[in-house]
């Protein structure tokens, strides 16, 4: 993955983190900064997986790119919630 693609997926990840949090509301113990960081990481992971299966091109803004970025962010937020879930 080139530096340009990494930067584009990172910017897309900012948006993906916010969208993922809107899709998955609740108390996962995630503050706004963690949400953005998980969005960026999920975006990069989703972009890489999407490019491996020829569904979306890493470093390109498209509907498929947004879907893979949000999907990756949702997956990471779900895993984060499982690992760091506060017991009531």
C-alpha atoms as a PDB file:
ATOM      1  CA  UNK A   1       0.000   0.000   0.000  1.00  0.00           C
ATOM      2  CA  UNK A   2       1.462   3.345  -1.006  1.00  0.00           C
ATOM      3  CA  UNK A   3       1.753   6.345   1.291  1.00  0.00           C
ATOM      4  CA  UNK A   4      -0.922   8.161  -0.689  1.00  0.00           C
ATOM      5  CA  UNK A   5      -3.319   5.227  -0.317  1.00  0.00           C
ATOM      6  CA  UNK A   6      -2.564   5.056   3.412  1.00  0.00           C
ATOM      7  CA  UNK A   7      -3.329   8.768   3.826  1.00  0.00           C
ATOM      8  CA  UNK A   8      -6.553   8.517   1.861  1.00  0.00           C
ATOM      9  CA  UNK A   9      -7.714   5.504   3.893  1.00  0.00           C
ATOM     10  CA  UNK A  10      -6.798   7.384   7.080  1.00  0.00           C
ATOM     11  CA  UNK A  11      -8.927  10.380   6.121  1.00  0.00           C
ATOM     12  CA  UNK A  12     -11.693   8.027   5.067  1.00  0.00           C
ATOM     13  CA  UNK A  13     -11.247   6.313   8.429  1.00  0.00           C
ATOM     14  CA  UNK A  14     -12.096   9.526  10.272  1.00  0.00           C
ATOM     15  CA  UNK A  15     -15.460   9.535   8.562  1.00  0.00           C
ATOM     16  CA  UNK A  16     -15.839   5.752   8.842  1.00  0.00           C
ATOM     17  CA  UNK A  17     -15.318   5.893  12.612  1.00  0.00           C
ATOM     18  CA  UNK A  18     -18.094   8.439  12.994  1.00  0.00           C
ATOM     19  CA  UNK A  19     -20.452   6.510  10.707  1.00  0.00           C
ATOM     20  CA  UNK A  20     -19.663   3.240  12.496  1.00  0.00           C
ATOM     21  CA  UNK A  21     -20.420   4.831  15.871  1.00  0.00           C
ATOM     22  CA  UNK A  22     -23.759   6.056  14.521  1.00  0.00           C
ATOM     23  CA  UNK A  23     -24.552   2.552  13.258  1.00  0.00           C
ATOM     24  CA  UNK A  24     -23.386   0.880  16.479  1.00  0.00           C
ATOM     25  CA  UNK A  25     -24.500   3.180  19.291  1.00  0.00           C
ATOM     26  CA  UNK A  26     -24.226   2.136  22.854  1.00  0.00           C
ATOM     27  CA  UNK A  27     -21.669   1.816  25.551  1.00  0.00           C
ATOM     28  CA  UNK A  28     -18.613   0.035  24.267  1.00  0.00           C
ATOM     29  CA  UNK A  29     -16.411   2.190  26.486  1.00  0.00           C
ATOM     30  CA  UNK A  30     -15.148   4.110  23.477  1.00  0.00           C
ATOM     31  CA  UNK A  31     -14.331   7.797  23.743  1.00  0.00           C
ATOM     32  CA  UNK A  32     -14.308  10.037  20.637  1.00  0.00           C
ATOM     33  CA  UNK A  33     -10.540   9.792  20.119  1.00  0.00           C
ATOM     34  CA  UNK A  34     -10.636   5.990  20.324  1.00  0.00           C
ATOM     35  CA  UNK A  35     -13.580   5.999  17.908  1.00  0.00           C
ATOM     36  CA  UNK A  36     -11.542   7.943  15.351  1.00  0.00           C
ATOM     37  CA  UNK A  37      -8.464   5.742  15.841  1.00  0.00           C
ATOM     38  CA  UNK A  38     -10.534   2.559  15.487  1.00  0.00           C
ATOM     39  CA  UNK A  39     -12.135   4.096  12.404  1.00  0.00           C
ATOM     40  CA  UNK A  40      -8.729   4.770  10.845  1.00  0.00           C
ATOM     41  CA  UNK A  41      -7.430   1.287  11.694  1.00  0.00           C
ATOM     42  CA  UNK A  42     -10.659  -0.322  10.502  1.00  0.00           C
ATOM     43  CA  UNK A  43     -10.535   1.697   7.321  1.00  0.00           C
ATOM     44  CA  UNK A  44      -7.009   0.540   6.550  1.00  0.00           C
ATOM     45  CA  UNK A  45      -7.870  -3.076   7.356  1.00  0.00           C
ATOM     46  CA  UNK A  46     -11.115  -2.899   5.375  1.00  0.00           C
ATOM     47  CA  UNK A  47      -9.308  -1.304   2.450  1.00  0.00           C
ATOM     48  CA  UNK A  48      -6.636  -3.969   2.428  1.00  0.00           C
ATOM     49  CA  UNK A  49      -9.192  -6.796   2.619  1.00  0.00           C
ATOM     50  CA  UNK A  50     -11.319  -5.112  -0.058  1.00  0.00           C
ATOM     51  CA  UNK A  51      -8.376  -4.804  -2.403  1.00  0.00           C
ATOM     52  CA  UNK A  52      -7.390  -8.449  -1.800  1.00  0.00           C
ATOM     53  CA  UNK A  53     -10.824  -9.671  -2.883  1.00  0.00           C
ATOM     54  CA  UNK A  54     -11.029  -7.149  -5.757  1.00  0.00           C
ATOM     55  CA  UNK A  55     -13.849  -5.220  -4.097  1.00  0.00           C
ATOM     56  CA  UNK A  56     -12.676  -1.666  -3.841  1.00  0.00           C
ATOM     57  CA  UNK A  57      -9.288  -0.206  -4.564  1.00  0.00           C
ATOM     58  CA  UNK A  58      -7.091   0.944  -1.706  1.00  0.00           C
ATOM     59  CA  UNK A  59      -6.566   4.673  -1.850  1.00  0.00           C
ATOM     60  CA  UNK A  60      -9.610   5.481  -3.949  1.00  0.00           C
ATOM     61  CA  UNK A  61     -12.747   7.229  -2.760  1.00  0.00           C
ATOM     62  CA  UNK A  62     -15.762   5.235  -3.879  1.00  0.00           C
ATOM     63  CA  UNK A  63     -18.910   3.712  -2.465  1.00  0.00           C
ATOM     64  CA  UNK A  64     -17.115   0.371  -2.150  1.00  0.00           C
ATOM     65  CA  UNK A  65     -14.264   2.106  -0.341  1.00  0.00           C
ATOM     66  CA  UNK A  66     -16.628   3.716   2.141  1.00  0.00           C
ATOM     67  CA  UNK A  67     -18.438   0.417   2.719  1.00  0.00           C
ATOM     68  CA  UNK A  68     -15.187  -1.464   3.369  1.00  0.00           C
ATOM     69  CA  UNK A  69     -13.910   1.318   5.634  1.00  0.00           C
ATOM     70  CA  UNK A  70     -17.101   1.389   7.707  1.00  0.00           C
ATOM     71  CA  UNK A  71     -17.194  -2.420   7.780  1.00  0.00           C
ATOM     72  CA  UNK A  72     -13.652  -2.572   9.113  1.00  0.00           C
ATOM     73  CA  UNK A  73     -14.412   0.108  11.700  1.00  0.00           C
ATOM     74  CA  UNK A  74     -17.562  -1.714  12.821  1.00  0.00           C
ATOM     75  CA  UNK A  75     -15.631  -4.939  13.181  1.00  0.00           C
ATOM     76  CA  UNK A  76     -12.937  -3.299  15.305  1.00  0.00           C
ATOM     77  CA  UNK A  77     -15.516  -1.505  17.465  1.00  0.00           C
ATOM     78  CA  UNK A  78     -17.330  -4.795  18.037  1.00  0.00           C
ATOM     79  CA  UNK A  79     -14.104  -6.542  19.046  1.00  0.00           C
ATOM     80  CA  UNK A  80     -13.141  -3.570  21.252  1.00  0.00           C
ATOM     81  CA  UNK A  81     -16.525  -3.800  22.984  1.00  0.00           C
ATOM     82  CA  UNK A  82     -16.037  -7.519  23.624  1.00  0.00           C
ATOM     83  CA  UNK A  83     -12.558  -7.067  25.045  1.00  0.00           C
ATOM     84  CA  UNK A  84     -13.095  -3.951  27.136  1.00  0.00           C
ATOM     85  CA  UNK A  85     -16.781  -4.286  28.029  1.00  0.00           C
ATOM     86  CA  UNK A  86     -17.505  -2.890  31.464  1.00  0.00           C
ATOM     87  CA  UNK A  87     -19.337  -5.304  33.707  1.00  0.00           C
ATOM     88  CA  UNK A  88     -22.514  -3.914  35.208  1.00  0.00           C
END
